[in-house]
Amino acid sequence: MIDAVIFDMDGVLLDSEPFWQEAEIEIFATVGIHLTRAQCIETTGIPVNDVVAYRHIQNPWGHKSLKQVSDDYLNWRRSAGS
């Protein structure tokens, strides 16, 4: 029986930022934005929808909606070869 569950939202148990950065680089490349890790660090801690809107203001794209890009970002899975 489970007595407790720990939710790690701030990197105490696992530093998830490298995975979020990898997702950000991969997903934004699909809309023609090629980011560096340093650029990803600039948006650390900002909600995904806000990051997508920010990147769209910087470099507008037309073939995907902001919601599609946000959904892709949130549903990203690390490639098997990575």
PDB file of N, CA and C in Angstrom:
ATOM      1  N   MET A   1       0.842  -1.180   0.000  1.00  0.00           N
ATOM      2  CA  MET A   1       0.000   0.000   0.000  1.00  0.00           C
ATOM      3  C   MET A   1       0.888   1.245   0.000  1.00  0.00           C
ATOM      4  N   ILE A   2       0.509   2.228  -0.781  1.00  0.00           N
ATOM      5  CA  ILE A   2       1.269   3.475  -0.866  1.00  0.00           C
ATOM      6  C   ILE A   2       0.820   4.408   0.249  1.00  0.00           C
ATOM      7  N   ASP A   3       1.784   4.883   1.048  1.00  0.00           N
ATOM      8  CA  ASP A   3       1.487   5.803   2.144  1.00  0.00           C
ATOM      9  C   ASP A   3       1.706   7.259   1.772  1.00  0.00           C
ATOM     10  N   ALA A   4       2.580   7.492   0.784  1.00  0.00           N
ATOM     11  CA  ALA A   4       2.873   8.873   0.407  1.00  0.00           C
ATOM     12  C   ALA A   4       3.390   8.921  -1.022  1.00  0.00           C
ATOM     13  N   VAL A   5       3.236  10.078  -1.620  1.00  0.00           N
ATOM     14  CA  VAL A   5       3.746  10.325  -2.963  1.00  0.00           C
ATOM     15  C   VAL A   5       4.481  11.648  -2.922  1.00  0.00           C
ATOM     16  N   ILE A   6       5.671  11.681  -3.512  1.00  0.00           N
ATOM     17  CA  ILE A   6       6.450  12.913  -3.560  1.00  0.00           C
ATOM     18  C   ILE A   6       6.379  13.474  -4.971  1.00  0.00           C
ATOM     19  N   PHE A   7       5.957  14.709  -5.084  1.00  0.00           N
ATOM     20  CA  PHE A   7       5.945  15.405  -6.361  1.00  0.00           C
ATOM     21  C   PHE A   7       7.144  16.337  -6.392  1.00  0.00           C
ATOM     22  N   ASP A   8       8.020  16.136  -7.352  1.00  0.00           N
ATOM     23  CA  ASP A   8       9.233  16.933  -7.469  1.00  0.00           C
ATOM     24  C   ASP A   8       9.038  17.965  -8.566  1.00  0.00           C
ATOM     25  N   MET A   9       8.724  19.197  -8.186  1.00  0.00           N
ATOM     26  CA  MET A   9       8.445  20.228  -9.169  1.00  0.00           C
ATOM     27  C   MET A   9       9.578  21.246  -9.294  1.00  0.00           C
ATOM     28  N   ASP A  10      10.629  21.096  -8.506  1.00  0.00           N
ATOM     29  CA  ASP A  10      11.663  22.128  -8.547  1.00  0.00           C
ATOM     30  C   ASP A  10      13.075  21.582  -8.681  1.00  0.00           C
ATOM     31  N   GLY A  11      13.202  20.353  -9.122  1.00  0.00           N
ATOM     32  CA  GLY A  11      14.528  19.812  -9.384  1.00  0.00           C
ATOM     33  C   GLY A  11      15.246  19.225  -8.186  1.00  0.00           C
ATOM     34  N   VAL A  12      14.559  19.033  -7.076  1.00  0.00           N
ATOM     35  CA  VAL A  12      15.205  18.483  -5.890  1.00  0.00           C
ATOM     36  C   VAL A  12      15.612  17.027  -6.114  1.00  0.00           C
ATOM     37  N   LEU A  13      14.718  16.237  -6.658  1.00  0.00           N
ATOM     38  CA  LEU A  13      15.004  14.823  -6.887  1.00  0.00           C
ATOM     39  C   LEU A  13      15.584  14.553  -8.263  1.00  0.00           C
ATOM     40  N   LEU A  14      15.181  15.336  -9.237  1.00  0.00           N
ATOM     41  CA  LEU A  14      15.625  15.130 -10.612  1.00  0.00           C
ATOM     42  C   LEU A  14      15.728  16.476 -11.310  1.00  0.00           C
ATOM     43  N   ASP A  15      16.868  16.737 -11.898  1.00  0.00           N
ATOM     44  CA  ASP A  15      17.035  17.967 -12.676  1.00  0.00           C
ATOM     45  C   ASP A  15      16.484  17.707 -14.065  1.00  0.00           C
ATOM     46  N   SER A  16      15.261  18.167 -14.304  1.00  0.00           N
ATOM     47  CA  SER A  16      14.600  17.912 -15.579  1.00  0.00           C
ATOM     48  C   SER A  16      14.890  18.986 -16.629  1.00  0.00           C
ATOM     49  N   GLU A  17      15.569  20.054 -16.252  1.00  0.00           N
ATOM     50  CA  GLU A  17      15.824  21.142 -17.199  1.00  0.00           C
ATOM     51  C   GLU A  17      16.539  20.689 -18.474  1.00  0.00           C
ATOM     52  N   PRO A  18      17.551  19.823 -18.410  1.00  0.00           N
ATOM     53  CA  PRO A  18      18.178  19.381 -19.664  1.00  0.00           C
ATOM     54  C   PRO A  18      17.186  18.712 -20.618  1.00  0.00           C
ATOM     55  N   PHE A  19      16.196  18.005 -20.091  1.00  0.00           N
ATOM     56  CA  PHE A  19      15.188  17.366 -20.937  1.00  0.00           C
ATOM     57  C   PHE A  19      14.254  18.411 -21.548  1.00  0.00           C
ATOM     58  N   TRP A  20      13.848  19.413 -20.758  1.00  0.00           N
ATOM     59  CA  TRP A  20      13.011  20.496 -21.279  1.00  0.00           C
ATOM     60  C   TRP A  20      13.762  21.260 -22.356  1.00  0.00           C
ATOM     61  N   GLN A  21      15.049  21.487 -22.149  1.00  0.00           N
ATOM     62  CA  GLN A  21      15.853  22.199 -23.156  1.00  0.00           C
ATOM     63  C   GLN A  21      15.951  21.387 -24.441  1.00  0.00           C
ATOM     64  N   GLU A  22      16.150  20.092 -24.302  1.00  0.00           N
ATOM     65  CA  GLU A  22      16.220  19.213 -25.470  1.00  0.00           C
ATOM     66  C   GLU A  22      14.900  19.259 -26.242  1.00  0.00           C
ATOM     67  N   ALA A  23      13.799  19.223 -25.508  1.00  0.00           N
ATOM     68  CA  ALA A  23      12.478  19.307 -26.144  1.00  0.00           C
ATOM     69  C   ALA A  23      12.307  20.647 -26.845  1.00  0.00           C
ATOM     70  N   GLU A  24      12.697  21.722 -26.170  1.00  0.00           N
ATOM     71  CA  GLU A  24      12.555  23.059 -26.747  1.00  0.00           C
ATOM     72  C   GLU A  24      13.348  23.172 -28.049  1.00  0.00           C
ATOM     73  N   ILE A  25      14.573  22.698 -28.052  1.00  0.00           N
ATOM     74  CA  ILE A  25      15.423  22.748 -29.251  1.00  0.00           C
ATOM     75  C   ILE A  25      14.789  21.950 -30.387  1.00  0.00           C
ATOM     76  N   GLU A  26      14.341  20.739 -30.072  1.00  0.00           N
ATOM     77  CA  GLU A  26      13.769  19.857 -31.092  1.00  0.00           C
ATOM     78  C   GLU A  26      12.440  20.384 -31.643  1.00  0.00           C
ATOM     79  N   ILE A  27      11.563  20.815 -30.763  1.00  0.00           N
ATOM     80  CA  ILE A  27      10.230  21.257 -31.194  1.00  0.00           C
ATOM     81  C   ILE A  27      10.305  22.553 -31.981  1.00  0.00           C
ATOM     82  N   PHE A  28      11.094  23.510 -31.522  1.00  0.00           N
ATOM     83  CA  PHE A  28      11.170  24.773 -32.250  1.00  0.00           C
ATOM     84  C   PHE A  28      11.890  24.629 -33.588  1.00  0.00           C
ATOM     85  N   ALA A  29      12.748  23.647 -33.724  1.00  0.00           N
ATOM     86  CA  ALA A  29      13.387  23.386 -35.020  1.00  0.00           C
ATOM     87  C   ALA A  29      12.338  23.008 -36.064  1.00  0.00           C
ATOM     88  N   THR A  30      11.227  22.400 -35.622  1.00  0.00           N
ATOM     89  CA  THR A  30      10.183  22.004 -36.568  1.00  0.00           C
ATOM     90  C   THR A  30       9.449  23.202 -37.165  1.00  0.00           C
ATOM     91  N   VAL A  31       9.612  24.375 -36.551  1.00  0.00           N
ATOM     92  CA  VAL A  31       9.002  25.591 -37.099  1.00  0.00           C
ATOM     93  C   VAL A  31      10.078  26.577 -37.561  1.00  0.00           C
ATOM     94  N   GLY A  32      11.285  26.055 -37.750  1.00  0.00           N
ATOM     95  CA  GLY A  32      12.360  26.862 -38.322  1.00  0.00           C
ATOM     96  C   GLY A  32      13.136  27.717 -37.343  1.00  0.00           C
ATOM     97  N   ILE A  33      12.981  27.477 -36.043  1.00  0.00           N
ATOM     98  CA  ILE A  33      13.730  28.228 -35.036  1.00  0.00           C
ATOM     99  C   ILE A  33      14.782  27.304 -34.450  1.00  0.00           C
ATOM    100  N   HIS A  34      16.034  27.657 -34.641  1.00  0.00           N
ATOM    101  CA  HIS A  34      17.144  26.816 -34.183  1.00  0.00           C
ATOM    102  C   HIS A  34      17.783  27.464 -32.963  1.00  0.00           C
ATOM    103  N   LEU A  35      17.469  26.877 -31.804  1.00  0.00           N
ATOM    104  CA  LEU A  35      17.879  27.439 -30.523  1.00  0.00           C
ATOM    105  C   LEU A  35      19.150  26.798 -29.998  1.00  0.00           C
ATOM    106  N   THR A  36      19.859  27.557 -29.189  1.00  0.00           N
ATOM    107  CA  THR A  36      21.009  27.039 -28.449  1.00  0.00           C
ATOM    108  C   THR A  36      20.558  26.745 -27.024  1.00  0.00           C
ATOM    109  N   ARG A  37      21.374  26.018 -26.292  1.00  0.00           N
ATOM    110  CA  ARG A  37      21.065  25.767 -24.867  1.00  0.00           C
ATOM    111  C   ARG A  37      20.980  27.087 -24.113  1.00  0.00           C
ATOM    112  N   ALA A  38      21.858  28.028 -24.451  1.00  0.00           N
ATOM    113  CA  ALA A  38      21.851  29.329 -23.782  1.00  0.00           C
ATOM    114  C   ALA A  38      20.520  30.046 -23.987  1.00  0.00           C
ATOM    115  N   GLN A  39      19.967  29.966 -25.183  1.00  0.00           N
ATOM    116  CA  GLN A  39      18.667  30.585 -25.442  1.00  0.00           C
ATOM    117  C   GLN A  39      17.563  29.892 -24.650  1.00  0.00           C
ATOM    118  N   CYS A  40      17.685  28.594 -24.491  1.00  0.00           N
ATOM    119  CA  CYS A  40      16.698  27.848 -23.703  1.00  0.00           C
ATOM    120  C   CYS A  40      16.769  28.244 -22.228  1.00  0.00           C
ATOM    121  N   ILE A  41      17.964  28.477 -21.734  1.00  0.00           N
ATOM    122  CA  ILE A  41      18.138  28.875 -20.341  1.00  0.00           C
ATOM    123  C   ILE A  41      17.420  30.190 -20.057  1.00  0.00           C
ATOM    124  N   GLU A  42      17.352  31.066 -21.064  1.00  0.00           N
ATOM    125  CA  GLU A  42      16.665  32.353 -20.899  1.00  0.00           C
ATOM    126  C   GLU A  42      15.184  32.186 -20.552  1.00  0.00           C
ATOM    127  N   THR A  43      14.577  31.081 -20.943  1.00  0.00           N
ATOM    128  CA  THR A  43      13.148  30.886 -20.695  1.00  0.00           C
ATOM    129  C   THR A  43      12.883  29.842 -19.606  1.00  0.00           C
ATOM    130  N   THR A  44      13.898  29.437 -18.884  1.00  0.00           N
ATOM    131  CA  THR A  44      13.728  28.466 -17.803  1.00  0.00           C
ATOM    132  C   THR A  44      12.739  29.001 -16.772  1.00  0.00           C
ATOM    133  N   GLY A  45      11.779  28.168 -16.412  1.00  0.00           N
ATOM    134  CA  GLY A  45      10.800  28.538 -15.397  1.00  0.00           C
ATOM    135  C   GLY A  45       9.567  29.239 -15.936  1.00  0.00           C
ATOM    136  N   ILE A  46       9.552  29.529 -17.217  1.00  0.00           N
ATOM    137  CA  ILE A  46       8.405  30.195 -17.835  1.00  0.00           C
ATOM    138  C   ILE A  46       7.460  29.105 -18.359  1.00  0.00           C
ATOM    139  N   PRO A  47       6.147  29.259 -18.152  1.00  0.00           N
ATOM    140  CA  PRO A  47       5.202  28.248 -18.654  1.00  0.00           C
ATOM    141  C   PRO A  47       5.333  28.039 -20.170  1.00  0.00           C
ATOM    142  N   VAL A  48       5.127  26.803 -20.601  1.00  0.00           N
ATOM    143  CA  VAL A  48       5.293  26.419 -22.002  1.00  0.00           C
ATOM    144  C   VAL A  48       4.524  27.339 -22.951  1.00  0.00           C
ATOM    145  N   ASN A  49       3.263  27.611 -22.673  1.00  0.00           N
ATOM    146  CA  ASN A  49       2.472  28.467 -23.570  1.00  0.00           C
ATOM    147  C   ASN A  49       3.103  29.844 -23.715  1.00  0.00           C
ATOM    148  N   ASP A  50       3.680  30.353 -22.644  1.00  0.00           N
ATOM    149  CA  ASP A  50       4.332  31.663 -22.693  1.00  0.00           C
ATOM    150  C   ASP A  50       5.635  31.606 -23.484  1.00  0.00           C
ATOM    151  N   VAL A  51       6.365  30.511 -23.363  1.00  0.00           N
ATOM    152  CA  VAL A  51       7.599  30.342 -24.130  1.00  0.00           C
ATOM    153  C   VAL A  51       7.262  30.283 -25.624  1.00  0.00           C
ATOM    154  N   VAL A  52       6.228  29.531 -25.968  1.00  0.00           N
ATOM    155  CA  VAL A  52       5.820  29.414 -27.374  1.00  0.00           C
ATOM    156  C   VAL A  52       5.412  30.782 -27.916  1.00  0.00           C
ATOM    157  N   ALA A  53       4.631  31.527 -27.167  1.00  0.00           N
ATOM    158  CA  ALA A  53       4.208  32.861 -27.602  1.00  0.00           C
ATOM    159  C   ALA A  53       5.418  33.783 -27.759  1.00  0.00           C
ATOM    160  N   TYR A  54       6.353  33.714 -26.834  1.00  0.00           N
ATOM    161  CA  TYR A  54       7.566  34.529 -26.876  1.00  0.00           C
ATOM    162  C   TYR A  54       8.395  34.212 -28.120  1.00  0.00           C
ATOM    163  N   ARG A  55       8.593  32.923 -28.390  1.00  0.00           N
ATOM    164  CA  ARG A  55       9.368  32.513 -29.573  1.00  0.00           C
ATOM    165  C   ARG A  55       8.636  32.920 -30.860  1.00  0.00           C
ATOM    166  N   HIS A  56       7.313  32.866 -30.854  1.00  0.00           N
ATOM    167  CA  HIS A  56       6.543  33.246 -32.035  1.00  0.00           C
ATOM    168  C   HIS A  56       6.664  34.747 -32.306  1.00  0.00           C
ATOM    169  N   ILE A  57       6.681  35.537 -31.251  1.00  0.00           N
ATOM    170  CA  ILE A  57       6.873  36.988 -31.416  1.00  0.00           C
ATOM    171  C   ILE A  57       8.253  37.265 -32.002  1.00  0.00           C
ATOM    172  N   GLN A  58       9.260  36.535 -31.522  1.00  0.00           N
ATOM    173  CA  GLN A  58      10.632  36.719 -32.018  1.00  0.00           C
ATOM    174  C   GLN A  58      10.768  36.306 -33.479  1.00  0.00           C
ATOM    175  N   ASN A  59      10.196  35.159 -33.821  1.00  0.00           N
ATOM    176  CA  ASN A  59      10.326  34.567 -35.160  1.00  0.00           C
ATOM    177  C   ASN A  59       9.014  33.918 -35.564  1.00  0.00           C
ATOM    178  N   PRO A  60       8.084  34.689 -36.075  1.00  0.00           N
ATOM    179  CA  PRO A  60       6.766  34.131 -36.427  1.00  0.00           C
ATOM    180  C   PRO A  60       6.855  32.980 -37.438  1.00  0.00           C
ATOM    181  N   TRP A  61       6.022  31.994 -37.255  1.00  0.00           N
ATOM    182  CA  TRP A  61       5.890  30.888 -38.197  1.00  0.00           C
ATOM    183  C   TRP A  61       4.422  30.800 -38.565  1.00  0.00           C
ATOM    184  N   GLY A  62       4.115  30.123 -39.657  1.00  0.00           N
ATOM    185  CA  GLY A  62       2.736  30.106 -40.109  1.00  0.00           C
ATOM    186  C   GLY A  62       2.119  28.742 -40.283  1.00  0.00           C
ATOM    187  N   HIS A  63       2.910  27.683 -40.317  1.00  0.00           N
ATOM    188  CA  HIS A  63       2.360  26.370 -40.662  1.00  0.00           C
ATOM    189  C   HIS A  63       1.847  25.559 -39.473  1.00  0.00           C
ATOM    190  N   LYS A  64       2.046  26.021 -38.261  1.00  0.00           N
ATOM    191  CA  LYS A  64       1.505  25.367 -37.072  1.00  0.00           C
ATOM    192  C   LYS A  64       0.944  26.450 -36.157  1.00  0.00           C
ATOM    193  N   SER A  65      -0.142  26.125 -35.478  1.00  0.00           N
ATOM    194  CA  SER A  65      -0.681  27.072 -34.511  1.00  0.00           C
ATOM    195  C   SER A  65       0.185  27.061 -33.248  1.00  0.00           C
ATOM    196  N   LEU A  66       0.052  28.091 -32.447  1.00  0.00           N
ATOM    197  CA  LEU A  66       0.781  28.137 -31.181  1.00  0.00           C
ATOM    198  C   LEU A  66       0.363  26.964 -30.300  1.00  0.00           C
ATOM    199  N   LYS A  67      -0.921  26.609 -30.336  1.00  0.00           N
ATOM    200  CA  LYS A  67      -1.399  25.472 -29.551  1.00  0.00           C
ATOM    201  C   LYS A  67      -0.747  24.172 -30.015  1.00  0.00           C
ATOM    202  N   GLN A  68      -0.621  23.990 -31.327  1.00  0.00           N
ATOM    203  CA  GLN A  68       0.026  22.775 -31.834  1.00  0.00           C
ATOM    204  C   GLN A  68       1.467  22.682 -31.342  1.00  0.00           C
ATOM    205  N   VAL A  69       2.184  23.796 -31.382  1.00  0.00           N
ATOM    206  CA  VAL A  69       3.582  23.796 -30.935  1.00  0.00           C
ATOM    207  C   VAL A  69       3.639  23.531 -29.432  1.00  0.00           C
ATOM    208  N   SER A  70       2.752  24.164 -28.666  1.00  0.00           N
ATOM    209  CA  SER A  70       2.702  23.914 -27.216  1.00  0.00           C
ATOM    210  C   SER A  70       2.406  22.453 -26.923  1.00  0.00           C
ATOM    211  N   ASP A  71       1.444  21.880 -27.636  1.00  0.00           N
ATOM    212  CA  ASP A  71       1.100  20.466 -27.440  1.00  0.00           C
ATOM    213  C   ASP A  71       2.272  19.563 -27.797  1.00  0.00           C
ATOM    214  N   ASP A  72       2.951  19.870 -28.909  1.00  0.00           N
ATOM    215  CA  ASP A  72       4.127  19.087 -29.300  1.00  0.00           C
ATOM    216  C   ASP A  72       5.193  19.143 -28.213  1.00  0.00           C
ATOM    217  N   TYR A  73       5.398  20.330 -27.684  1.00  0.00           N
ATOM    218  CA  TYR A  73       6.396  20.554 -26.630  1.00  0.00           C
ATOM    219  C   TYR A  73       6.042  19.737 -25.386  1.00  0.00           C
ATOM    220  N   LEU A  74       4.799  19.816 -24.950  1.00  0.00           N
ATOM    221  CA  LEU A  74       4.367  19.113 -23.740  1.00  0.00           C
ATOM    222  C   LEU A  74       4.322  17.598 -23.924  1.00  0.00           C
ATOM    223  N   ASN A  75       4.114  17.136 -25.153  1.00  0.00           N
ATOM    224  CA  ASN A  75       4.023  15.700 -25.427  1.00  0.00           C
ATOM    225  C   ASN A  75       5.309  15.106 -25.978  1.00  0.00           C
ATOM    226  N   TRP A  76       6.364  15.902 -26.018  1.00  0.00           N
ATOM    227  CA  TRP A  76       7.647  15.468 -26.552  1.00  0.00           C
ATOM    228  C   TRP A  76       8.175  14.261 -25.782  1.00  0.00           C
ATOM    229  N   ARG A  77       8.734  13.354 -26.534  1.00  0.00           N
ATOM    230  CA  ARG A  77       9.402  12.182 -25.930  1.00  0.00           C
ATOM    231  C   ARG A  77      10.816  12.133 -26.484  1.00  0.00           C
ATOM    232  N   ARG A  78      11.741  11.885 -25.626  1.00  0.00           N
ATOM    233  CA  ARG A  78      13.140  11.798 -26.039  1.00  0.00           C
ATOM    234  C   ARG A  78      13.310  10.697 -27.068  1.00  0.00           C
ATOM    235  N   SER A  79      14.055  10.979 -28.119  1.00  0.00           N
ATOM    236  CA  SER A  79      14.311   9.979 -29.161  1.00  0.00           C
ATOM    237  C   SER A  79      15.043   8.783 -28.583  1.00  0.00           C
ATOM    238  N   ALA A  80      14.736   7.602 -29.099  1.00  0.00           N
ATOM    239  CA  ALA A  80      15.346   6.375 -28.603  1.00  0.00           C
ATOM    240  C   ALA A  80      16.859   6.397 -28.732  1.00  0.00           C
ATOM    241  N   GLY A  81      17.383   7.057 -29.750  1.00  0.00           N
ATOM    242  CA  GLY A  81      18.823   7.077 -29.967  1.00  0.00           C
ATOM    243  C   GLY A  81      19.559   8.102 -29.139  1.00  0.00           C
ATOM    244  N   SER A  82      18.850   8.931 -28.367  1.00  0.00           N
ATOM    245  CA  SER A  82      19.497   9.986 -27.595  1.00  0.00           C
ATOM    246  C   SER A  82      20.029   9.487 -26.277  1.00  0.00           C
TER     247      SER A  82
END
